Amino acid sequence: MVEFCPECGSILRKRSCKCGYNNQNSPTKNVDGTSLIDIWKPPSPKVIFCKLTGTPQDKLNTILSKGIYPEKLKDITNKLKNHLYSCCNCVYYNEEIFHCQVKNKYLKKESICRSFEPFEEP
């Protein structure tokens, strides 16, 4: 019988999913003993692109409507698909105590939310 992940819909292989669902390797509690939450609700690649480049959303939509698809946007889309962007890459996440300043929650490192704002890339 084939099982699917309730979080992302991918096929479960050996009861673990790449989105972090049912992953025994990631910590479930932080230093204080508080339970860690695992969420995967990333913002769209367009929003991340605009935050990284400082491009207004309407200008990006104009560029995309002309049929021009920036290489950096393709790269961001790829990173989101492969779960390379996560709380570890966010400016609001404190890795030492697993705390998100925006959500005011304790989250696993593999999590990501709509408030995700990546560090500046060189």
Protein backbone atom coordinates (compact mmCIF):
# COMPACT_ATOMS: atom_id res chain seq x y z
CA MET A 1 0.00 0.00 0.00
CA VAL A 2 1.36 3.41 -0.96
CA GLU A 3 1.19 6.12 1.72
CA PHE A 4 1.34 9.85 1.16
CA CYS A 5 2.67 12.59 3.43
CA PRO A 6 -0.16 14.57 5.04
CA GLU A 7 2.02 17.73 5.00
CA CYS A 8 3.23 17.95 1.39
CA GLY A 9 1.55 15.05 -0.46
CA SER A 10 4.79 13.27 -1.43
CA ILE A 11 5.07 9.48 -1.35
CA LEU A 12 6.36 8.32 2.04
CA ARG A 13 9.44 6.13 1.83
CA LYS A 14 10.28 4.19 4.99
CA ARG A 15 7.92 6.38 7.02
CA SER A 16 9.97 9.59 6.56
CA CYS A 17 9.38 12.47 4.17
CA LYS A 18 11.76 15.10 2.78
CA CYS A 19 9.49 17.85 4.16
CA GLY A 20 10.37 16.68 7.66
CA TYR A 21 7.16 14.80 8.44
CA ASN A 22 7.88 11.94 10.85
CA ASN A 23 11.65 12.59 10.79
CA GLN A 24 13.34 11.04 13.82
CA ASN A 25 16.71 12.75 13.20
CA SER A 26 15.52 16.30 13.88
CA PRO A 27 15.25 17.38 17.53
CA THR A 28 11.75 17.44 19.01
CA LYS A 29 12.58 19.65 22.00
CA ASN A 30 14.83 22.67 22.48
CA VAL A 31 17.25 23.33 25.35
CA ASP A 32 14.46 24.41 27.71
CA GLY A 33 12.45 21.26 26.97
CA THR A 34 9.83 23.10 24.89
CA SER A 35 8.33 21.07 22.03
CA LEU A 36 9.39 22.12 18.55
CA ILE A 37 6.81 22.61 15.80
CA ASP A 38 7.40 21.55 12.19
CA ILE A 39 5.64 23.60 9.49
CA TRP A 40 6.21 23.84 5.75
CA LYS A 41 4.29 26.78 4.30
CA PRO A 42 6.82 28.72 2.22
CA PRO A 43 6.12 32.02 0.51
CA SER A 44 6.02 32.02 -3.28
CA PRO A 45 9.34 32.22 -5.15
CA LYS A 46 8.26 35.65 -6.44
CA VAL A 47 8.03 37.03 -2.88
CA ILE A 48 11.47 35.67 -1.96
CA PHE A 49 12.92 37.10 -5.19
CA CYS A 50 11.48 40.54 -4.39
CA LYS A 51 12.86 40.44 -0.84
CA LEU A 52 16.35 39.42 -2.03
CA THR A 53 16.63 41.86 -4.93
CA GLY A 54 14.54 44.74 -3.61
CA THR A 55 12.37 44.62 -6.73
CA PRO A 56 8.76 45.78 -6.33
CA GLN A 57 6.17 43.05 -6.92
CA ASP A 58 4.41 44.94 -9.73
CA LYS A 59 7.69 45.46 -11.60
CA LEU A 60 8.43 41.72 -11.36
CA ASN A 61 4.94 40.93 -12.67
CA THR A 62 5.59 43.28 -15.62
CA ILE A 63 8.89 41.53 -16.38
CA LEU A 64 7.23 38.10 -16.18
CA SER A 65 4.33 39.19 -18.42
CA LYS A 66 6.87 40.13 -21.11
CA GLY A 67 8.10 36.52 -21.07
CA ILE A 68 11.38 37.26 -19.29
CA TYR A 69 12.04 34.80 -16.47
CA PRO A 70 15.08 35.85 -14.35
CA GLU A 71 17.69 33.17 -13.67
CA LYS A 72 17.69 34.02 -9.96
CA LEU A 73 13.94 33.32 -9.81
CA LYS A 74 14.54 29.89 -11.34
CA ASP A 75 17.23 29.24 -8.73
CA ILE A 76 14.91 30.27 -5.88
CA THR A 77 12.13 28.02 -7.22
CA ASN A 78 14.57 25.11 -7.38
CA LYS A 79 15.77 25.73 -3.81
CA LEU A 80 12.19 25.77 -2.52
CA LYS A 81 11.34 22.53 -4.33
CA ASN A 82 14.40 20.80 -2.88
CA HIS A 83 13.74 22.21 0.62
CA LEU A 84 17.07 24.07 0.67
CA TYR A 85 15.41 27.18 2.07
CA SER A 86 14.30 26.74 5.68
CA CYS A 87 14.31 28.54 9.02
CA CYS A 88 18.09 28.13 9.12
CA ASN A 89 18.30 30.66 6.24
CA CYS A 90 15.86 33.16 7.78
CA VAL A 91 16.84 36.44 9.43
CA TYR A 92 14.14 36.03 12.11
CA TYR A 93 15.25 32.58 13.33
CA ASN A 94 17.53 32.07 16.34
CA GLU A 95 19.23 28.72 15.73
CA GLU A 96 20.63 28.37 19.25
CA ILE A 97 17.21 28.17 20.90
CA PHE A 98 15.15 27.20 17.79
CA HIS A 99 12.97 30.33 18.14
CA CYS A 100 11.25 32.37 15.41
CA GLN A 101 10.85 36.05 16.29
CA VAL A 102 7.96 36.63 13.87
CA LYS A 103 5.85 33.61 14.83
CA ASN A 104 7.05 33.74 18.46
CA LYS A 105 7.18 29.94 18.38
CA TYR A 106 9.82 27.27 18.74
CA LEU A 107 10.28 25.68 15.31
CA LYS A 108 12.41 22.89 13.88
CA LYS A 109 15.28 23.95 11.61
CA GLU A 110 13.61 22.33 8.58
CA SER A 111 10.48 24.48 8.95
CA ILE A 112 9.54 27.48 6.83
CA CYS A 113 6.64 29.94 6.98
CA ARG A 114 5.18 32.72 4.86
CA SER A 115 7.20 35.30 6.84
CA PHE A 116 10.45 33.74 5.60
CA GLU A 117 13.08 36.35 4.77
CA PRO A 118 16.43 34.92 3.58
CA PHE A 119 19.85 36.28 4.38
CA GLU A 120 21.41 38.36 1.63
CA GLU A 121 23.09 36.10 -0.92
CA PRO A 122 26.47 37.15 -2.33
